[in-house]
């Protein structure tokens, strides 16, 4: 993510990524975060059910 952010602030427009590339990288990051969150919630829910 840091590399993507740094490339967005390049002085020359030709050195910056297209907005579609930025959006794709952000979507990947969101999926990674939410995927991990959902997996953790699923594991935690299963553990709670197993304890009952």
PDB file of N, CA and C in Angstrom:
ATOM      1  N   UNK A   1       0.816  -1.183   0.000  1.00  0.00           N
ATOM      2  CA  UNK A   1       0.000   0.000   0.000  1.00  0.00           C
ATOM      3  C   UNK A   1       0.868   1.258   0.000  1.00  0.00           C
ATOM      4  N   UNK A   2       1.937   1.236   0.767  1.00  0.00           N
ATOM      5  CA  UNK A   2       2.797   2.417   0.842  1.00  0.00           C
ATOM      6  C   UNK A   2       3.376   2.751  -0.529  1.00  0.00           C
ATOM      7  N   UNK A   3       3.763   1.735  -1.282  1.00  0.00           N
ATOM      8  CA  UNK A   3       4.310   1.960  -2.619  1.00  0.00           C
ATOM      9  C   UNK A   3       3.245   2.590  -3.523  1.00  0.00           C
ATOM     10  N   UNK A   4       2.022   2.081  -3.425  1.00  0.00           N
ATOM     11  CA  UNK A   4       0.929   2.633  -4.236  1.00  0.00           C
ATOM     12  C   UNK A   4       0.676   4.087  -3.869  1.00  0.00           C
ATOM     13  N   UNK A   5       0.667   4.383  -2.575  1.00  0.00           N
ATOM     14  CA  UNK A   5       0.432   5.760  -2.131  1.00  0.00           C
ATOM     15  C   UNK A   5       1.550   6.682  -2.606  1.00  0.00           C
ATOM     16  N   UNK A   6       2.787   6.219  -2.504  1.00  0.00           N
ATOM     17  CA  UNK A   6       3.924   7.038  -2.922  1.00  0.00           C
ATOM     18  C   UNK A   6       3.872   7.319  -4.423  1.00  0.00           C
ATOM     19  N   UNK A   7       3.429   6.345  -5.199  1.00  0.00           N
ATOM     20  CA  UNK A   7       3.378   6.561  -6.653  1.00  0.00           C
ATOM     21  C   UNK A   7       2.289   7.562  -7.031  1.00  0.00           C
ATOM     22  N   UNK A   8       1.282   7.722  -6.188  1.00  0.00           N
ATOM     23  CA  UNK A   8       0.186   8.654  -6.479  1.00  0.00           C
ATOM     24  C   UNK A   8       0.584  10.115  -6.313  1.00  0.00           C
ATOM     25  N   UNK A   9       1.659  10.377  -5.596  1.00  0.00           N
ATOM     26  CA  UNK A   9       2.051  11.769  -5.344  1.00  0.00           C
ATOM     27  C   UNK A   9       3.259  12.210  -6.169  1.00  0.00           C
ATOM     28  N   UNK A  10       3.569  11.459  -7.207  1.00  0.00           N
ATOM     29  CA  UNK A  10       4.663  11.844  -8.093  1.00  0.00           C
ATOM     30  C   UNK A  10       4.326  13.174  -8.768  1.00  0.00           C
ATOM     31  N   UNK A  11       5.326  14.014  -8.944  1.00  0.00           N
ATOM     32  CA  UNK A  11       5.122  15.347  -9.516  1.00  0.00           C
ATOM     33  C   UNK A  11       4.598  15.273 -10.948  1.00  0.00           C
ATOM     34  N   UNK A  12       5.212  14.452 -11.742  1.00  0.00           N
ATOM     35  CA  UNK A  12       4.813  14.324 -13.152  1.00  0.00           C
ATOM     36  C   UNK A  12       3.618  13.376 -13.277  1.00  0.00           C
ATOM     37  N   UNK A  13       2.605  13.821 -13.971  1.00  0.00           N
ATOM     38  CA  UNK A  13       1.418  13.002 -14.166  1.00  0.00           C
ATOM     39  C   UNK A  13       1.708  11.674 -14.842  1.00  0.00           C
ATOM     40  N   UNK A  14       2.673  11.682 -15.755  1.00  0.00           N
ATOM     41  CA  UNK A  14       3.019  10.450 -16.475  1.00  0.00           C
ATOM     42  C   UNK A  14       3.611   9.397 -15.540  1.00  0.00           C
ATOM     43  N   UNK A  15       4.102   9.827 -14.381  1.00  0.00           N
ATOM     44  CA  UNK A  15       4.703   8.902 -13.413  1.00  0.00           C
ATOM     45  C   UNK A  15       3.693   8.366 -12.400  1.00  0.00           C
ATOM     46  N   UNK A  16       2.463   8.908 -12.436  1.00  0.00           N
ATOM     47  CA  UNK A  16       1.422   8.466 -11.505  1.00  0.00           C
ATOM     48  C   UNK A  16       0.591   7.359 -12.154  1.00  0.00           C
ATOM     49  N   UNK A  17       0.051   6.436 -11.330  1.00  0.00           N
ATOM     50  CA  UNK A  17      -0.786   5.358 -11.889  1.00  0.00           C
ATOM     51  C   UNK A  17      -2.154   5.893 -12.316  1.00  0.00           C
ATOM     52  N   UNK A  18      -2.778   5.163 -13.201  1.00  0.00           N
ATOM     53  CA  UNK A  18      -4.145   5.504 -13.611  1.00  0.00           C
ATOM     54  C   UNK A  18      -5.071   5.285 -12.428  1.00  0.00           C
ATOM     55  N   UNK A  19      -6.157   6.033 -12.371  1.00  0.00           N
ATOM     56  CA  UNK A  19      -7.091   5.903 -11.249  1.00  0.00           C
ATOM     57  C   UNK A  19      -7.651   4.479 -11.166  1.00  0.00           C
ATOM     58  N   UNK A  20      -7.800   3.826 -12.303  1.00  0.00           N
ATOM     59  CA  UNK A  20      -8.310   2.450 -12.301  1.00  0.00           C
ATOM     60  C   UNK A  20      -7.341   1.512 -11.576  1.00  0.00           C
ATOM     61  N   UNK A  21      -6.049   1.766 -11.711  1.00  0.00           N
ATOM     62  CA  UNK A  21      -5.054   0.962 -11.001  1.00  0.00           C
ATOM     63  C   UNK A  21      -5.126   1.221  -9.494  1.00  0.00           C
ATOM     64  N   UNK A  22      -5.311   2.480  -9.124  1.00  0.00           N
ATOM     65  CA  UNK A  22      -5.416   2.839  -7.709  1.00  0.00           C
ATOM     66  C   UNK A  22      -6.640   2.167  -7.097  1.00  0.00           C
ATOM     67  N   UNK A  23      -7.750   2.236  -7.787  1.00  0.00           N
ATOM     68  CA  UNK A  23      -8.990   1.626  -7.294  1.00  0.00           C
ATOM     69  C   UNK A  23      -8.818   0.122  -7.140  1.00  0.00           C
ATOM     70  N   UNK A  24      -8.198  -0.520  -8.107  1.00  0.00           N
ATOM     71  CA  UNK A  24      -7.984  -1.973  -8.035  1.00  0.00           C
ATOM     72  C   UNK A  24      -7.144  -2.333  -6.808  1.00  0.00           C
ATOM     73  N   UNK A  25      -6.095  -1.565  -6.539  1.00  0.00           N
ATOM     74  CA  UNK A  25      -5.244  -1.832  -5.374  1.00  0.00           C
ATOM     75  C   UNK A  25      -6.016  -1.624  -4.072  1.00  0.00           C
ATOM     76  N   UNK A  26      -6.839  -0.580  -4.024  1.00  0.00           N
ATOM     77  CA  UNK A  26      -7.635  -0.324  -2.826  1.00  0.00           C
ATOM     78  C   UNK A  26      -8.663  -1.432  -2.602  1.00  0.00           C
ATOM     79  N   UNK A  27      -9.275  -1.898  -3.675  1.00  0.00           N
ATOM     80  CA  UNK A  27     -10.249  -2.985  -3.560  1.00  0.00           C
ATOM     81  C   UNK A  27      -9.578  -4.261  -3.050  1.00  0.00           C
ATOM     82  N   UNK A  28      -8.365  -4.541  -3.525  1.00  0.00           N
ATOM     83  CA  UNK A  28      -7.620  -5.709  -3.043  1.00  0.00           C
ATOM     84  C   UNK A  28      -7.342  -5.585  -1.551  1.00  0.00           C
ATOM     85  N   UNK A  29      -6.953  -4.402  -1.121  1.00  0.00           N
ATOM     86  CA  UNK A  29      -6.649  -4.189   0.295  1.00  0.00           C
ATOM     87  C   UNK A  29      -7.895  -4.374   1.153  1.00  0.00           C
ATOM     88  N   UNK A  30      -9.019  -3.849   0.698  1.00  0.00           N
ATOM     89  CA  UNK A  30     -10.270  -3.990   1.444  1.00  0.00           C
ATOM     90  C   UNK A  30     -10.670  -5.461   1.537  1.00  0.00           C
ATOM     91  N   UNK A  31     -10.534  -6.202   0.447  1.00  0.00           N
ATOM     92  CA  UNK A  31     -10.866  -7.624   0.456  1.00  0.00           C
ATOM     93  C   UNK A  31      -9.980  -8.392   1.436  1.00  0.00           C
ATOM     94  N   UNK A  32      -8.710  -8.052   1.469  1.00  0.00           N
ATOM     95  CA  UNK A  32      -7.797  -8.721   2.400  1.00  0.00           C
ATOM     96  C   UNK A  32      -8.206  -8.460   3.842  1.00  0.00           C
ATOM     97  N   UNK A  33      -8.516  -7.217   4.140  1.00  0.00           N
ATOM     98  CA  UNK A  33      -8.890  -6.854   5.511  1.00  0.00           C
ATOM     99  C   UNK A  33     -10.213  -7.515   5.889  1.00  0.00           C
ATOM    100  N   UNK A  34     -11.196  -7.402   5.048  1.00  0.00           N
ATOM    101  CA  UNK A  34     -12.506  -7.965   5.375  1.00  0.00           C
ATOM    102  C   UNK A  34     -12.479  -9.485   5.359  1.00  0.00           C
ATOM    103  N   UNK A  35     -11.708 -10.059   4.481  1.00  0.00           N
ATOM    104  CA  UNK A  35     -11.601 -11.516   4.452  1.00  0.00           C
ATOM    105  C   UNK A  35     -11.023 -12.040   5.749  1.00  0.00           C
ATOM    106  N   UNK A  36      -9.976 -11.411   6.243  1.00  0.00           N
ATOM    107  CA  UNK A  36      -9.372 -11.823   7.505  1.00  0.00           C
ATOM    108  C   UNK A  36     -10.342 -11.605   8.652  1.00  0.00           C
ATOM    109  N   UNK A  37     -11.064 -10.491   8.633  1.00  0.00           N
ATOM    110  CA  UNK A  37     -12.027 -10.197   9.684  1.00  0.00           C
ATOM    111  C   UNK A  37     -13.130 -11.242   9.685  1.00  0.00           C
ATOM    112  N   UNK A  38     -13.642 -11.554   8.528  1.00  0.00           N
ATOM    113  CA  UNK A  38     -14.732 -12.534   8.441  1.00  0.00           C
ATOM    114  C   UNK A  38     -14.251 -13.915   8.876  1.00  0.00           C
ATOM    115  N   UNK A  39     -13.049 -14.293   8.479  1.00  0.00           N
ATOM    116  CA  UNK A  39     -12.524 -15.592   8.899  1.00  0.00           C
ATOM    117  C   UNK A  39     -12.382 -15.644  10.411  1.00  0.00           C
ATOM    118  N   UNK A  40     -11.872 -14.584  11.010  1.00  0.00           N
ATOM    119  CA  UNK A  40     -11.710 -14.547  12.456  1.00  0.00           C
ATOM    120  C   UNK A  40     -13.076 -14.633  13.136  1.00  0.00           C
ATOM    121  N   UNK A  41     -14.067 -13.927  12.622  1.00  0.00           N
ATOM    122  CA  UNK A  41     -15.398 -13.965  13.208  1.00  0.00           C
ATOM    123  C   UNK A  41     -15.995 -15.358  13.092  1.00  0.00           C
ATOM    124  N   UNK A  42     -15.786 -16.020  11.987  1.00  0.00           N
ATOM    125  CA  UNK A  42     -16.296 -17.371  11.796  1.00  0.00           C
ATOM    126  C   UNK A  42     -15.644 -18.330  12.780  1.00  0.00           C
ATOM    127  N   UNK A  43     -14.345 -18.250  12.935  1.00  0.00           N
ATOM    128  CA  UNK A  43     -13.625 -19.111  13.878  1.00  0.00           C
ATOM    129  C   UNK A  43     -14.112 -18.850  15.300  1.00  0.00           C
ATOM    130  N   UNK A  44     -14.248 -17.577  15.660  1.00  0.00           N
ATOM    131  CA  UNK A  44     -14.697 -17.225  16.996  1.00  0.00           C
ATOM    132  C   UNK A  44     -16.116 -17.739  17.246  1.00  0.00           C
ATOM    133  N   UNK A  45     -16.992 -17.612  16.267  1.00  0.00           N
ATOM    134  CA  UNK A  45     -18.366 -18.101  16.405  1.00  0.00           C
ATOM    135  C   UNK A  45     -18.394 -19.608  16.594  1.00  0.00           C
ATOM    136  N   UNK A  46     -17.587 -20.328  15.839  1.00  0.00           N
ATOM    137  CA  UNK A  46     -17.526 -21.786  15.971  1.00  0.00           C
ATOM    138  C   UNK A  46     -17.016 -22.193  17.346  1.00  0.00           C
ATOM    139  N   UNK A  47     -16.042 -21.455  17.876  1.00  0.00           N
ATOM    140  CA  UNK A  47     -15.512 -21.754  19.188  1.00  0.00           C
ATOM    141  C   UNK A  47     -16.572 -21.540  20.261  1.00  0.00           C
ATOM    142  N   UNK A  48     -17.328 -20.468  20.136  1.00  0.00           N
ATOM    143  CA  UNK A  48     -18.396 -20.190  21.107  1.00  0.00           C
ATOM    144  C   UNK A  48     -19.459 -21.279  21.058  1.00  0.00           C
ATOM    145  N   UNK A  49     -19.822 -21.711  19.871  1.00  0.00           N
ATOM    146  CA  UNK A  49     -20.823 -22.763  19.744  1.00  0.00           C
ATOM    147  C   UNK A  49     -20.310 -24.088  20.311  1.00  0.00           C
ATOM    148  N   UNK A  50     -19.055 -24.379  20.116  1.00  0.00           N
ATOM    149  CA  UNK A  50     -18.467 -25.619  20.615  1.00  0.00           C
ATOM    150  C   UNK A  50     -18.433 -25.652  22.136  1.00  0.00           C
ATOM    151  N   UNK A  51     -18.321 -24.490  22.769  1.00  0.00           N
ATOM    152  CA  UNK A  51     -18.270 -24.419  24.209  1.00  0.00           C
ATOM    153  C   UNK A  51     -19.614 -24.681  24.839  1.00  0.00           C
ATOM    154  N   UNK A  52     -20.690 -24.519  24.096  1.00  0.00           N
ATOM    155  CA  UNK A  52     -22.051 -24.694  24.660  1.00  0.00           C
ATOM    156  C   UNK A  52     -22.382 -26.107  24.768  1.00  0.00           C
TER     157      UNK A  52
END
